[in-house]
Amino acid sequence: MRCPFCRHPDSRVIDSREVDDGQAIRRRRSCPECGRRFSTLEGALLSVVKRSGVTEPFSRSKVIAGVTRACQGRPVDPDAIAQLAQRVEETVRGSGQAELPSQDVGLAILGPLRDLDEVAYLRFASVYRSFTSADDFAAEIRSMREQDAGTIAPDAGADAAGGGTAPTSDRSPPVPIT
């Protein structure tokens, strides 16, 4: 690393530590020529290749903005959205690729968003997957129910035809869902 003061082509690392949740390394350096100290920040660049072919740096704030739009009017905590964005960034950085298609970023968002809020998931998926009709929404809801079928007990709620009952307390009779 070249010294920013005397332009000497070498420097010695005195201290290193992780910053930004391990996404970068801060190094304290010393120049053997002039003796001055300086810091460097080293991080891996992650680029996103958009559908148009344009490449831009990955931005956690863009993930937060997109998810926030999908969650608009929903009871979702902003901290949960920030945590989701961090998980997405960890997922895409964990792929080991320097350039990632925007579609992969969208896929990395969909899973955690579904766990966070299903309505927001449907909103995001409708834009991400370019839904063109109500049938696209119906197909996605059907797919969601099929995926959930293995994790929900058979008598835990209504089926798609509306033949189940709503959860009630012990004091009142079951209320049919219509």
N, C-alpha and C. Protein backbone atom coordinates (compact mmCIF):
# COMPACT_ATOMS: atom_id res chain seq x y z
N MET A 1 0.86 -1.17 0.00
CA MET A 1 0.00 0.00 0.00
C MET A 1 0.90 1.22 0.00
N ARG A 2 0.66 2.11 -0.94
CA ARG A 2 1.45 3.33 -1.10
C ARG A 2 1.10 4.33 0.01
N CYS A 3 2.11 4.96 0.59
CA CYS A 3 1.91 5.97 1.63
C CYS A 3 1.27 7.21 1.01
N PRO A 4 0.15 7.71 1.59
CA PRO A 4 -0.51 8.88 1.01
C PRO A 4 0.25 10.19 1.27
N PHE A 5 1.25 10.16 2.16
CA PHE A 5 1.99 11.37 2.51
C PHE A 5 3.26 11.53 1.68
N CYS A 6 4.11 10.49 1.64
CA CYS A 6 5.39 10.60 0.94
C CYS A 6 5.43 9.77 -0.35
N ARG A 7 4.34 9.02 -0.63
CA ARG A 7 4.21 8.20 -1.83
C ARG A 7 5.17 7.01 -1.86
N HIS A 8 5.75 6.65 -0.72
CA HIS A 8 6.61 5.46 -0.64
C HIS A 8 5.74 4.24 -1.01
N PRO A 9 6.29 3.32 -1.84
CA PRO A 9 5.46 2.24 -2.37
C PRO A 9 5.10 1.13 -1.38
N ASP A 10 5.54 1.21 -0.14
CA ASP A 10 5.27 0.12 0.80
C ASP A 10 4.87 0.69 2.15
N SER A 11 4.13 -0.08 2.92
CA SER A 11 3.77 0.29 4.28
C SER A 11 3.63 -0.98 5.11
N ARG A 12 3.65 -0.80 6.43
CA ARG A 12 3.57 -1.94 7.33
C ARG A 12 2.22 -1.90 8.05
N VAL A 13 1.54 -3.06 8.16
CA VAL A 13 0.26 -3.13 8.86
C VAL A 13 0.54 -3.24 10.35
N ILE A 14 -0.07 -2.33 11.13
CA ILE A 14 0.09 -2.31 12.58
C ILE A 14 -1.07 -3.03 13.26
N ASP A 15 -2.28 -2.80 12.73
CA ASP A 15 -3.48 -3.37 13.34
C ASP A 15 -4.54 -3.61 12.27
N SER A 16 -5.32 -4.68 12.41
CA SER A 16 -6.43 -4.98 11.50
C SER A 16 -7.65 -5.34 12.32
N ARG A 17 -8.82 -4.89 11.86
CA ARG A 17 -10.07 -5.30 12.51
C ARG A 17 -11.21 -5.23 11.51
N GLU A 18 -12.22 -6.08 11.76
CA GLU A 18 -13.40 -6.10 10.90
C GLU A 18 -14.33 -4.95 11.26
N VAL A 19 -14.98 -4.40 10.25
CA VAL A 19 -15.98 -3.35 10.44
C VAL A 19 -17.18 -3.66 9.55
N ASP A 20 -18.27 -2.96 9.75
CA ASP A 20 -19.50 -3.15 8.96
C ASP A 20 -19.95 -4.60 8.96
N ASP A 21 -20.07 -5.16 10.14
CA ASP A 21 -20.53 -6.55 10.30
C ASP A 21 -19.67 -7.53 9.52
N GLY A 22 -18.38 -7.30 9.48
CA GLY A 22 -17.46 -8.21 8.81
C GLY A 22 -17.37 -8.03 7.31
N GLN A 23 -18.01 -7.00 6.76
CA GLN A 23 -18.01 -6.79 5.32
C GLN A 23 -16.78 -6.04 4.84
N ALA A 24 -16.02 -5.48 5.76
CA ALA A 24 -14.82 -4.74 5.40
C ALA A 24 -13.76 -4.92 6.50
N ILE A 25 -12.53 -4.57 6.15
CA ILE A 25 -11.42 -4.66 7.11
C ILE A 25 -10.76 -3.29 7.19
N ARG A 26 -10.61 -2.80 8.40
CA ARG A 26 -9.91 -1.54 8.63
C ARG A 26 -8.50 -1.89 9.07
N ARG A 27 -7.53 -1.33 8.38
CA ARG A 27 -6.12 -1.59 8.72
C ARG A 27 -5.43 -0.28 9.09
N ARG A 28 -4.69 -0.31 10.16
CA ARG A 28 -3.86 0.82 10.57
C ARG A 28 -2.47 0.51 10.04
N ARG A 29 -1.87 1.44 9.32
CA ARG A 29 -0.59 1.21 8.66
C ARG A 29 0.43 2.27 9.06
N SER A 30 1.69 1.91 8.88
CA SER A 30 2.79 2.82 9.16
C SER A 30 3.74 2.80 7.97
N CYS A 31 4.20 3.99 7.59
CA CYS A 31 5.13 4.10 6.47
C CYS A 31 6.56 3.99 7.02
N PRO A 32 7.38 3.07 6.48
CA PRO A 32 8.76 2.93 6.96
C PRO A 32 9.65 4.10 6.52
N GLU A 33 9.23 4.85 5.52
CA GLU A 33 10.03 5.95 5.00
C GLU A 33 9.86 7.22 5.83
N CYS A 34 8.60 7.68 5.98
CA CYS A 34 8.36 8.94 6.68
C CYS A 34 7.88 8.74 8.12
N GLY A 35 7.49 7.50 8.48
CA GLY A 35 7.07 7.20 9.84
C GLY A 35 5.64 7.60 10.17
N ARG A 36 4.93 8.17 9.24
CA ARG A 36 3.55 8.59 9.52
C ARG A 36 2.61 7.39 9.45
N ARG A 37 1.49 7.53 10.15
CA ARG A 37 0.50 6.46 10.19
C ARG A 37 -0.77 6.88 9.44
N PHE A 38 -1.45 5.90 8.87
CA PHE A 38 -2.70 6.14 8.17
C PHE A 38 -3.55 4.88 8.21
N SER A 39 -4.83 5.04 7.93
CA SER A 39 -5.78 3.92 7.94
C SER A 39 -6.28 3.64 6.54
N THR A 40 -6.57 2.36 6.29
CA THR A 40 -7.20 1.97 5.03
C THR A 40 -8.43 1.15 5.35
N LEU A 41 -9.37 1.16 4.45
CA LEU A 41 -10.58 0.38 4.58
C LEU A 41 -10.68 -0.50 3.35
N GLU A 42 -10.69 -1.81 3.56
CA GLU A 42 -10.71 -2.75 2.46
C GLU A 42 -12.01 -3.54 2.48
N GLY A 43 -12.66 -3.60 1.34
CA GLY A 43 -13.90 -4.36 1.24
C GLY A 43 -14.05 -4.92 -0.15
N ALA A 44 -14.77 -6.03 -0.24
CA ALA A 44 -15.03 -6.64 -1.53
C ALA A 44 -16.20 -5.93 -2.20
N LEU A 45 -16.05 -5.59 -3.45
CA LEU A 45 -17.13 -4.96 -4.21
C LEU A 45 -18.06 -6.04 -4.73
N LEU A 46 -19.35 -5.77 -4.62
CA LEU A 46 -20.36 -6.66 -5.15
C LEU A 46 -21.20 -5.86 -6.12
N SER A 47 -21.26 -6.31 -7.35
CA SER A 47 -22.02 -5.59 -8.38
C SER A 47 -23.25 -6.38 -8.77
N VAL A 48 -24.29 -5.64 -9.11
CA VAL A 48 -25.55 -6.23 -9.55
C VAL A 48 -25.73 -5.90 -11.03
N VAL A 49 -25.99 -6.94 -11.82
CA VAL A 49 -26.23 -6.75 -13.25
C VAL A 49 -27.74 -6.71 -13.45
N LYS A 50 -28.24 -5.56 -13.87
CA LYS A 50 -29.68 -5.37 -14.05
C LYS A 50 -30.14 -6.00 -15.36
N ARG A 51 -31.46 -6.13 -15.52
CA ARG A 51 -32.01 -6.74 -16.74
C ARG A 51 -31.58 -6.03 -18.00
N SER A 52 -31.37 -4.72 -17.90
CA SER A 52 -30.95 -3.94 -19.07
C SER A 52 -29.48 -4.15 -19.42
N GLY A 53 -28.74 -4.84 -18.55
CA GLY A 53 -27.32 -5.07 -18.78
C GLY A 53 -26.43 -4.08 -18.04
N VAL A 54 -27.02 -3.06 -17.44
CA VAL A 54 -26.28 -2.07 -16.67
C VAL A 54 -25.81 -2.71 -15.36
N THR A 55 -24.57 -2.42 -14.99
CA THR A 55 -24.01 -2.93 -13.74
C THR A 55 -23.89 -1.79 -12.75
N GLU A 56 -24.32 -2.05 -11.50
CA GLU A 56 -24.20 -1.05 -10.44
C GLU A 56 -23.83 -1.75 -9.14
N PRO A 57 -23.24 -1.03 -8.21
CA PRO A 57 -22.86 -1.64 -6.93
C PRO A 57 -24.10 -2.09 -6.15
N PHE A 58 -23.97 -3.20 -5.42
CA PHE A 58 -25.06 -3.66 -4.56
C PHE A 58 -25.34 -2.60 -3.52
N SER A 59 -26.61 -2.37 -3.24
CA SER A 59 -27.00 -1.36 -2.27
C SER A 59 -28.03 -1.93 -1.31
N ARG A 60 -27.64 -2.05 -0.04
CA ARG A 60 -28.57 -2.52 0.98
C ARG A 60 -29.74 -1.54 1.11
N SER A 61 -29.47 -0.26 0.92
CA SER A 61 -30.53 0.74 1.05
C SER A 61 -31.60 0.55 -0.04
N LYS A 62 -31.22 0.05 -1.22
CA LYS A 62 -32.21 -0.22 -2.26
C LYS A 62 -33.09 -1.42 -1.88
N VAL A 63 -32.49 -2.40 -1.23
CA VAL A 63 -33.27 -3.54 -0.74
C VAL A 63 -34.27 -3.05 0.29
N ILE A 64 -33.80 -2.22 1.23
CA ILE A 64 -34.68 -1.68 2.27
C ILE A 64 -35.82 -0.87 1.63
N ALA A 65 -35.51 -0.05 0.64
CA ALA A 65 -36.53 0.78 0.00
C ALA A 65 -37.59 -0.09 -0.70
N GLY A 66 -37.16 -1.12 -1.41
CA GLY A 66 -38.10 -1.99 -2.10
C GLY A 66 -38.98 -2.77 -1.15
N VAL A 67 -38.39 -3.29 -0.10
CA VAL A 67 -39.16 -4.05 0.89
C VAL A 67 -40.09 -3.12 1.66
N THR A 68 -39.63 -1.91 1.96
CA THR A 68 -40.48 -0.94 2.65
C THR A 68 -41.71 -0.60 1.81
N ARG A 69 -41.53 -0.43 0.50
CA ARG A 69 -42.67 -0.18 -0.38
C ARG A 69 -43.65 -1.36 -0.35
N ALA A 70 -43.12 -2.57 -0.38
CA ALA A 70 -43.99 -3.76 -0.35
C ALA A 70 -44.73 -3.87 0.99
N CYS A 71 -44.11 -3.38 2.06
CA CYS A 71 -44.71 -3.47 3.40
C CYS A 71 -45.55 -2.26 3.76
N GLN A 72 -45.71 -1.33 2.85
CA GLN A 72 -46.45 -0.10 3.13
C GLN A 72 -47.86 -0.44 3.62
N GLY A 73 -48.22 0.13 4.79
CA GLY A 73 -49.53 -0.10 5.37
C GLY A 73 -49.65 -1.40 6.13
N ARG A 74 -48.59 -2.15 6.22
CA ARG A 74 -48.58 -3.43 6.93
C ARG A 74 -47.92 -3.24 8.30
N PRO A 75 -48.28 -4.06 9.28
CA PRO A 75 -47.69 -3.93 10.62
C PRO A 75 -46.29 -4.57 10.68
N VAL A 76 -45.35 -3.99 9.97
CA VAL A 76 -43.99 -4.53 9.92
C VAL A 76 -43.03 -3.51 10.52
N ASP A 77 -42.23 -3.97 11.47
CA ASP A 77 -41.27 -3.13 12.16
C ASP A 77 -40.11 -2.76 11.23
N PRO A 78 -39.71 -1.49 11.18
CA PRO A 78 -38.57 -1.09 10.34
C PRO A 78 -37.28 -1.84 10.69
N ASP A 79 -37.12 -2.21 11.96
CA ASP A 79 -35.93 -2.98 12.34
C ASP A 79 -35.95 -4.37 11.69
N ALA A 80 -37.14 -4.94 11.55
CA ALA A 80 -37.26 -6.24 10.89
C ALA A 80 -36.88 -6.13 9.42
N ILE A 81 -37.24 -5.01 8.80
CA ILE A 81 -36.86 -4.79 7.39
C ILE A 81 -35.35 -4.64 7.27
N ALA A 82 -34.73 -3.92 8.21
CA ALA A 82 -33.27 -3.75 8.20
C ALA A 82 -32.58 -5.09 8.39
N GLN A 83 -33.11 -5.93 9.27
CA GLN A 83 -32.52 -7.26 9.47
C GLN A 83 -32.68 -8.12 8.22
N LEU A 84 -33.84 -8.01 7.56
CA LEU A 84 -34.06 -8.74 6.33
C LEU A 84 -33.03 -8.31 5.28
N ALA A 85 -32.81 -7.01 5.16
CA ALA A 85 -31.84 -6.50 4.18
C ALA A 85 -30.43 -7.01 4.49
N GLN A 86 -30.09 -7.08 5.77
CA GLN A 86 -28.78 -7.60 6.15
C GLN A 86 -28.66 -9.08 5.77
N ARG A 87 -29.72 -9.86 6.01
CA ARG A 87 -29.70 -11.28 5.64
C ARG A 87 -29.56 -11.44 4.13
N VAL A 88 -30.27 -10.59 3.37
CA VAL A 88 -30.17 -10.64 1.91
C VAL A 88 -28.74 -10.35 1.47
N GLU A 89 -28.14 -9.31 2.06
CA GLU A 89 -26.77 -8.97 1.69
C GLU A 89 -25.81 -10.11 2.03
N GLU A 90 -25.98 -10.72 3.20
CA GLU A 90 -25.13 -11.85 3.56
C GLU A 90 -25.31 -13.01 2.58
N THR A 91 -26.55 -13.24 2.16
CA THR A 91 -26.82 -14.32 1.21
C THR A 91 -26.14 -14.06 -0.13
N VAL A 92 -26.30 -12.85 -0.66
CA VAL A 92 -25.71 -12.58 -1.98
C VAL A 92 -24.20 -12.50 -1.91
N ARG A 93 -23.65 -11.98 -0.82
CA ARG A 93 -22.19 -11.97 -0.68
C ARG A 93 -21.66 -13.39 -0.49
N GLY A 94 -22.45 -14.22 0.17
CA GLY A 94 -22.05 -15.61 0.39
C GLY A 94 -22.02 -16.44 -0.88
N SER A 95 -22.60 -15.92 -1.94
CA SER A 95 -22.58 -16.66 -3.22
C SER A 95 -21.17 -16.74 -3.78
N GLY A 96 -20.30 -15.81 -3.36
CA GLY A 96 -18.92 -15.82 -3.82
C GLY A 96 -18.72 -15.18 -5.18
N GLN A 97 -19.77 -14.62 -5.76
CA GLN A 97 -19.67 -14.01 -7.07
C GLN A 97 -19.44 -12.51 -6.93
N ALA A 98 -18.61 -11.95 -7.79
CA ALA A 98 -18.37 -10.50 -7.78
C ALA A 98 -19.49 -9.75 -8.48
N GLU A 99 -20.10 -10.39 -9.48
CA GLU A 99 -21.24 -9.80 -10.20
C GLU A 99 -22.40 -10.77 -10.10
N LEU A 100 -23.55 -10.23 -9.73
CA LEU A 100 -24.72 -11.05 -9.49
C LEU A 100 -25.90 -10.50 -10.29
N PRO A 101 -26.66 -11.34 -10.98
CA PRO A 101 -27.84 -10.84 -11.69
C PRO A 101 -28.87 -10.30 -10.70
N SER A 102 -29.59 -9.27 -11.09
CA SER A 102 -30.60 -8.68 -10.19
C SER A 102 -31.67 -9.70 -9.84
N GLN A 103 -31.89 -10.66 -10.70
CA GLN A 103 -32.87 -11.71 -10.43
C GLN A 103 -32.47 -12.51 -9.19
N ASP A 104 -31.18 -12.78 -9.01
CA ASP A 104 -30.72 -13.51 -7.83
C ASP A 104 -30.94 -12.71 -6.55
N VAL A 105 -30.80 -11.39 -6.65
CA VAL A 105 -31.06 -10.53 -5.50
C VAL A 105 -32.55 -10.60 -5.15
N GLY A 106 -33.40 -10.55 -6.17
CA GLY A 106 -34.83 -10.66 -5.94
C GLY A 106 -35.22 -11.98 -5.29
N LEU A 107 -34.61 -13.08 -5.75
CA LEU A 107 -34.88 -14.38 -5.15
C LEU A 107 -34.42 -14.42 -3.69
N ALA A 108 -33.31 -13.76 -3.41
CA ALA A 108 -32.80 -13.72 -2.03
C ALA A 108 -33.73 -12.91 -1.13
N ILE A 109 -34.50 -11.99 -1.70
CA ILE A 109 -35.44 -11.19 -0.92
C ILE A 109 -36.73 -11.95 -0.67
N LEU A 110 -37.22 -12.70 -1.65
CA LEU A 110 -38.53 -13.32 -1.56
C LEU A 110 -38.69 -14.27 -0.37
N GLY A 111 -37.73 -15.13 -0.13
CA GLY A 111 -37.85 -16.09 0.98
C GLY A 111 -38.02 -15.42 2.34
N PRO A 112 -37.08 -14.57 2.74
CA PRO A 112 -37.22 -13.90 4.03
C PRO A 112 -38.44 -12.98 4.10
N LEU A 113 -38.83 -12.39 2.98
CA LEU A 113 -40.00 -11.49 2.98
C LEU A 113 -41.28 -12.29 3.23
N ARG A 114 -41.35 -13.48 2.68
CA ARG A 114 -42.54 -14.32 2.92
C ARG A 114 -42.65 -14.66 4.40
N ASP A 115 -41.52 -14.93 5.04
CA ASP A 115 -41.54 -15.21 6.48
C ASP A 115 -41.94 -13.98 7.28
N LEU A 116 -41.59 -12.80 6.78
CA LEU A 116 -41.88 -11.55 7.49
C LEU A 116 -43.35 -11.16 7.36
N ASP A 117 -43.89 -11.16 6.13
CA ASP A 117 -45.27 -10.74 5.91
C ASP A 117 -45.73 -11.26 4.55
N GLU A 118 -46.77 -12.10 4.55
CA GLU A 118 -47.21 -12.73 3.31
C GLU A 118 -47.82 -11.74 2.33
N VAL A 119 -48.52 -10.73 2.82
CA VAL A 119 -49.11 -9.73 1.92
C VAL A 119 -47.99 -8.94 1.23
N ALA A 120 -46.98 -8.54 2.00
CA ALA A 120 -45.85 -7.83 1.41
C ALA A 120 -45.13 -8.73 0.41
N TYR A 121 -45.03 -10.01 0.73
CA TYR A 121 -44.42 -10.97 -0.19
C TYR A 121 -45.18 -10.98 -1.52
N LEU A 122 -46.51 -11.04 -1.46
CA LEU A 122 -47.31 -11.06 -2.69
C LEU A 122 -47.13 -9.77 -3.48
N ARG A 123 -47.07 -8.63 -2.78
CA ARG A 123 -46.86 -7.36 -3.47
C ARG A 123 -45.51 -7.35 -4.18
N PHE A 124 -44.47 -7.77 -3.46
CA PHE A 124 -43.12 -7.78 -4.03
C PHE A 124 -43.05 -8.77 -5.20
N ALA A 125 -43.62 -9.96 -4.99
CA ALA A 125 -43.59 -10.98 -6.04
C ALA A 125 -44.35 -10.53 -7.28
N SER A 126 -45.44 -9.77 -7.08
CA SER A 126 -46.22 -9.32 -8.24
C SER A 126 -45.41 -8.40 -9.14
N VAL A 127 -44.55 -7.59 -8.55
CA VAL A 127 -43.69 -6.71 -9.35
C VAL A 127 -42.48 -7.49 -9.87
N TYR A 128 -41.86 -8.24 -8.98
CA TYR A 128 -40.64 -8.98 -9.34
C TYR A 128 -40.90 -10.00 -10.44
N ARG A 129 -42.04 -10.70 -10.34
CA ARG A 129 -42.36 -11.74 -11.33
C ARG A 129 -43.30 -11.24 -12.42
N SER A 130 -43.57 -9.95 -12.43
CA SER A 130 -44.38 -9.31 -13.47
C SER A 130 -45.76 -9.95 -13.63
N PHE A 131 -46.51 -10.03 -12.53
CA PHE A 131 -47.88 -10.55 -12.61
C PHE A 131 -48.68 -9.66 -13.56
N THR A 132 -49.52 -10.30 -14.39
CA THR A 132 -50.32 -9.54 -15.35
C THR A 132 -51.81 -9.67 -15.12
N SER A 133 -52.22 -10.58 -14.23
CA SER A 133 -53.65 -10.76 -14.00
C SER A 133 -53.90 -11.30 -12.59
N ALA A 134 -55.17 -11.34 -12.23
CA ALA A 134 -55.56 -11.90 -10.93
C ALA A 134 -55.22 -13.39 -10.87
N ASP A 135 -55.22 -14.04 -12.03
CA ASP A 135 -54.86 -15.46 -12.07
C ASP A 135 -53.43 -15.69 -11.59
N ASP A 136 -52.54 -14.75 -11.89
CA ASP A 136 -51.15 -14.87 -11.42
C ASP A 136 -51.11 -14.83 -9.89
N PHE A 137 -51.91 -13.93 -9.30
CA PHE A 137 -51.98 -13.86 -7.84
C PHE A 137 -52.56 -15.16 -7.28
N ALA A 138 -53.62 -15.65 -7.89
CA ALA A 138 -54.26 -16.87 -7.42
C ALA A 138 -53.29 -18.06 -7.49
N ALA A 139 -52.54 -18.13 -8.57
CA ALA A 139 -51.57 -19.22 -8.71
C ALA A 139 -50.49 -19.12 -7.63
N GLU A 140 -50.04 -17.92 -7.34
CA GLU A 140 -49.01 -17.75 -6.30
C GLU A 140 -49.57 -18.10 -4.93
N ILE A 141 -50.80 -17.70 -4.64
CA ILE A 141 -51.42 -18.04 -3.36
C ILE A 141 -51.59 -19.55 -3.24
N ARG A 142 -52.02 -20.20 -4.33
CA ARG A 142 -52.14 -21.65 -4.34
C ARG A 142 -50.80 -22.30 -4.05
N SER A 143 -49.75 -21.79 -4.67
CA SER A 143 -48.40 -22.32 -4.44
C SER A 143 -47.97 -22.13 -2.99
N MET A 144 -48.29 -20.98 -2.42
CA MET A 144 -47.95 -20.72 -1.01
C MET A 144 -48.67 -21.72 -0.10
N ARG A 145 -49.94 -21.96 -0.37
CA ARG A 145 -50.73 -22.89 0.45
C ARG A 145 -50.19 -24.31 0.33
N GLU A 146 -49.78 -24.70 -0.87
CA GLU A 146 -49.22 -26.04 -1.07
C GLU A 146 -47.92 -26.19 -0.28
N GLN A 147 -47.10 -25.14 -0.28
CA GLN A 147 -45.85 -25.19 0.48
C GLN A 147 -46.12 -25.26 1.97
N ASP A 148 -47.16 -24.56 2.43
CA ASP A 148 -47.50 -24.55 3.85
C ASP A 148 -48.20 -25.82 4.29
N ALA A 149 -48.77 -26.58 3.36
CA ALA A 149 -49.55 -27.77 3.70
C ALA A 149 -48.74 -28.77 4.52
N GLY A 150 -47.48 -28.87 4.26
CA GLY A 150 -46.65 -29.81 5.01
C GLY A 150 -46.31 -29.35 6.41
N THR A 151 -46.50 -28.06 6.71
CA THR A 151 -46.12 -27.53 8.02
C THR A 151 -47.31 -27.21 8.91
N ILE A 152 -48.55 -27.28 8.37
CA ILE A 152 -49.74 -26.95 9.15
C ILE A 152 -50.53 -28.23 9.40
N ALA A 153 -51.04 -28.38 10.61
CA ALA A 153 -51.86 -29.53 10.95
C ALA A 153 -53.14 -29.50 10.11
N PRO A 154 -53.68 -30.67 9.74
CA PRO A 154 -54.86 -30.71 8.87
C PRO A 154 -56.06 -29.93 9.41
N ASP A 155 -56.26 -29.86 10.73
CA ASP A 155 -57.43 -29.18 11.28
C ASP A 155 -57.10 -27.78 11.79
N ALA A 156 -56.02 -27.18 11.29
CA ALA A 156 -55.56 -25.90 11.84
C ALA A 156 -56.23 -24.69 11.22
N GLY A 157 -57.14 -24.86 10.30
CA GLY A 157 -57.78 -23.67 9.74
C GLY A 157 -58.57 -24.00 8.51
N ALA A 158 -58.92 -22.97 7.79
CA ALA A 158 -59.78 -23.13 6.61
C ALA A 158 -58.99 -23.64 5.43
N ASP A 159 -59.68 -24.36 4.56
CA ASP A 159 -59.05 -24.76 3.31
C ASP A 159 -59.44 -23.76 2.23
N ALA A 160 -58.98 -23.99 1.01
CA ALA A 160 -59.22 -23.02 -0.06
C ALA A 160 -60.71 -22.87 -0.38
N ALA A 161 -61.52 -23.89 -0.11
CA ALA A 161 -62.94 -23.81 -0.41
C ALA A 161 -63.72 -23.11 0.69
N GLY A 162 -63.09 -22.81 1.81
CA GLY A 162 -63.76 -22.10 2.90
C GLY A 162 -64.51 -23.03 3.82
N GLY A 163 -64.16 -24.30 3.89
CA GLY A 163 -64.91 -25.25 4.70
C GLY A 163 -64.41 -25.39 6.11
N GLY A 164 -63.47 -24.60 6.56
CA GLY A 164 -62.93 -24.75 7.91
C GLY A 164 -63.63 -23.84 8.88
N THR A 165 -63.09 -23.73 10.07
CA THR A 165 -63.65 -22.85 11.08
C THR A 165 -62.58 -21.92 11.58
N ALA A 166 -62.97 -20.75 12.02
CA ALA A 166 -62.04 -19.78 12.57
C ALA A 166 -61.68 -20.19 13.97
N PRO A 167 -60.46 -19.90 14.43
CA PRO A 167 -60.08 -20.22 15.80
C PRO A 167 -60.97 -19.44 16.77
N THR A 168 -61.40 -20.11 17.83
CA THR A 168 -62.27 -19.48 18.81
C THR A 168 -61.79 -19.79 20.20
N SER A 169 -62.38 -19.12 21.19
CA SER A 169 -62.07 -19.45 22.58
C SER A 169 -62.93 -20.64 22.99
N ASP A 170 -62.74 -21.17 24.19
CA ASP A 170 -63.49 -22.32 24.68
C ASP A 170 -64.93 -21.95 25.00
N ARG A 171 -65.27 -20.69 25.11
CA ARG A 171 -66.60 -20.26 25.55
C ARG A 171 -67.63 -20.19 24.43
N SER A 172 -67.21 -20.02 23.19
CA SER A 172 -68.18 -19.85 22.13
C SER A 172 -68.09 -20.98 21.11
N PRO A 173 -69.20 -21.23 20.40
CA PRO A 173 -69.16 -22.30 19.38
C PRO A 173 -68.32 -21.86 18.21
N PRO A 174 -67.83 -22.83 17.40
CA PRO A 174 -67.03 -22.47 16.22
C PRO A 174 -67.83 -21.59 15.27
N VAL A 175 -67.14 -20.64 14.65
CA VAL A 175 -67.75 -19.74 13.69
C VAL A 175 -67.34 -20.17 12.30
N PRO A 176 -68.33 -20.51 11.42
CA PRO A 176 -67.94 -20.93 10.07
C PRO A 176 -67.32 -19.78 9.29
N ILE A 177 -66.35 -20.10 8.49
CA ILE A 177 -65.70 -19.12 7.63
C ILE A 177 -66.44 -19.10 6.31
N THR A 178 -66.82 -17.94 5.86
CA THR A 178 -67.54 -17.85 4.58
C THR A 178 -66.74 -17.09 3.58
